[in-house]
Amino acid sequence: MFGEDPYTVEKSRYECTDCLNRVTTDGTLGSCPDCGGRMRNVAVPRE
């Protein structure tokens, strides 16, 4: 479980689809800073 709500709109939270690295940023990320993989925004609820 998360330490804080991942769906808050004040911060953008991204997760790498390859290595599952999580990054919190004020901007947008296109690629993972660790492995270069694709990042997905986890601050957007998905069903």
N, C-alpha and C. Protein backbone atom coordinates (compact mmCIF):
# COMPACT_ATOMS: atom_id res chain seq x y z
N MET A 1 0.84 -1.18 0.00
CA MET A 1 0.00 0.00 0.00
C MET A 1 0.88 1.24 0.00
N PHE A 2 0.36 2.33 -0.47
CA PHE A 2 1.10 3.58 -0.58
C PHE A 2 1.14 4.33 0.74
N GLY A 3 2.22 5.09 0.97
CA GLY A 3 2.32 5.92 2.14
C GLY A 3 1.46 7.17 2.02
N GLU A 4 1.21 7.59 0.79
CA GLU A 4 0.33 8.73 0.55
C GLU A 4 -0.51 8.43 -0.68
N ASP A 5 -1.58 9.17 -0.83
CA ASP A 5 -2.54 8.94 -1.91
C ASP A 5 -1.89 9.18 -3.28
N PRO A 6 -1.79 8.17 -4.14
CA PRO A 6 -1.17 8.36 -5.46
C PRO A 6 -2.06 9.11 -6.44
N TYR A 7 -3.29 9.42 -6.06
CA TYR A 7 -4.21 10.07 -6.98
C TYR A 7 -4.39 11.56 -6.72
N THR A 8 -3.52 12.16 -5.91
CA THR A 8 -3.61 13.60 -5.70
C THR A 8 -3.14 14.33 -6.95
N VAL A 9 -3.80 15.44 -7.25
CA VAL A 9 -3.49 16.15 -8.49
C VAL A 9 -2.37 17.18 -8.34
N GLU A 10 -1.92 17.44 -7.11
CA GLU A 10 -0.87 18.43 -6.90
C GLU A 10 0.47 17.97 -7.46
N LYS A 11 0.71 16.67 -7.44
CA LYS A 11 1.97 16.12 -7.90
C LYS A 11 1.71 15.06 -8.96
N SER A 12 2.65 14.93 -9.87
CA SER A 12 2.55 13.88 -10.88
C SER A 12 3.40 12.70 -10.43
N ARG A 13 2.79 11.54 -10.37
CA ARG A 13 3.51 10.33 -9.97
C ARG A 13 3.54 9.38 -11.16
N TYR A 14 4.72 8.92 -11.48
CA TYR A 14 4.92 8.04 -12.61
C TYR A 14 5.56 6.74 -12.17
N GLU A 15 5.20 5.65 -12.87
CA GLU A 15 5.79 4.35 -12.61
C GLU A 15 6.31 3.79 -13.92
N CYS A 16 7.51 3.24 -13.89
CA CYS A 16 8.10 2.64 -15.08
C CYS A 16 7.42 1.30 -15.36
N THR A 17 7.06 1.06 -16.61
CA THR A 17 6.40 -0.19 -16.98
C THR A 17 7.40 -1.34 -17.06
N ASP A 18 8.71 -1.04 -17.08
CA ASP A 18 9.73 -2.09 -17.16
C ASP A 18 10.29 -2.47 -15.79
N CYS A 19 10.83 -1.47 -15.06
CA CYS A 19 11.51 -1.78 -13.79
C CYS A 19 10.67 -1.41 -12.56
N LEU A 20 9.49 -0.81 -12.76
CA LEU A 20 8.55 -0.43 -11.70
C LEU A 20 9.09 0.66 -10.77
N ASN A 21 10.10 1.39 -11.22
CA ASN A 21 10.61 2.54 -10.47
C ASN A 21 9.53 3.59 -10.41
N ARG A 22 9.35 4.23 -9.24
CA ARG A 22 8.35 5.29 -9.09
C ARG A 22 9.04 6.63 -8.87
N VAL A 23 8.51 7.66 -9.55
CA VAL A 23 9.08 9.00 -9.49
C VAL A 23 7.95 10.00 -9.28
N THR A 24 8.16 10.97 -8.40
CA THR A 24 7.22 12.07 -8.19
C THR A 24 7.86 13.32 -8.75
N THR A 25 7.11 14.06 -9.59
CA THR A 25 7.66 15.24 -10.24
C THR A 25 6.59 16.30 -10.44
N ASP A 26 7.02 17.52 -10.69
CA ASP A 26 6.09 18.61 -11.01
C ASP A 26 5.81 18.66 -12.51
N GLY A 27 6.62 18.00 -13.30
CA GLY A 27 6.48 18.01 -14.75
C GLY A 27 6.02 16.66 -15.28
N THR A 28 6.37 16.38 -16.51
CA THR A 28 6.03 15.10 -17.12
C THR A 28 7.30 14.33 -17.42
N LEU A 29 7.17 13.02 -17.42
CA LEU A 29 8.30 12.15 -17.74
C LEU A 29 7.94 11.27 -18.92
N GLY A 30 8.84 11.16 -19.85
CA GLY A 30 8.61 10.29 -21.00
C GLY A 30 9.32 8.96 -20.85
N SER A 31 10.49 8.99 -20.16
CA SER A 31 11.24 7.75 -19.98
C SER A 31 11.80 7.68 -18.57
N CYS A 32 12.02 6.46 -18.11
CA CYS A 32 12.50 6.20 -16.76
C CYS A 32 13.94 6.71 -16.60
N PRO A 33 14.22 7.44 -15.53
CA PRO A 33 15.58 7.90 -15.30
C PRO A 33 16.55 6.75 -14.95
N ASP A 34 16.03 5.60 -14.52
CA ASP A 34 16.89 4.47 -14.16
C ASP A 34 17.20 3.55 -15.34
N CYS A 35 16.14 3.14 -16.09
CA CYS A 35 16.36 2.14 -17.15
C CYS A 35 16.00 2.64 -18.55
N GLY A 36 15.36 3.81 -18.65
CA GLY A 36 14.99 4.33 -19.96
C GLY A 36 13.66 3.80 -20.47
N GLY A 37 12.96 3.00 -19.64
CA GLY A 37 11.67 2.43 -20.04
C GLY A 37 10.55 3.47 -20.05
N ARG A 38 9.39 3.05 -20.55
CA ARG A 38 8.22 3.93 -20.65
C ARG A 38 7.61 4.17 -19.28
N MET A 39 7.28 5.43 -18.98
CA MET A 39 6.66 5.79 -17.71
C MET A 39 5.15 5.94 -17.90
N ARG A 40 4.38 5.52 -16.90
CA ARG A 40 2.93 5.73 -16.93
C ARG A 40 2.54 6.54 -15.71
N ASN A 41 1.56 7.39 -15.89
CA ASN A 41 1.10 8.26 -14.81
C ASN A 41 0.18 7.47 -13.90
N VAL A 42 0.61 7.25 -12.65
CA VAL A 42 -0.20 6.51 -11.69
C VAL A 42 -1.11 7.43 -10.88
N ALA A 43 -1.05 8.74 -11.14
CA ALA A 43 -1.95 9.69 -10.49
C ALA A 43 -3.29 9.73 -11.18
N VAL A 44 -3.42 9.00 -12.29
CA VAL A 44 -4.68 8.91 -13.04
C VAL A 44 -5.34 7.58 -12.68
N PRO A 45 -6.53 7.61 -12.07
CA PRO A 45 -7.18 6.36 -11.70
C PRO A 45 -7.50 5.48 -12.91
N ARG A 46 -7.27 4.19 -12.75
CA ARG A 46 -7.57 3.23 -13.81
C ARG A 46 -8.45 2.13 -13.23
N GLU A 47 -9.32 1.59 -14.05
CA GLU A 47 -10.18 0.50 -13.58
C GLU A 47 -9.74 -0.81 -14.19
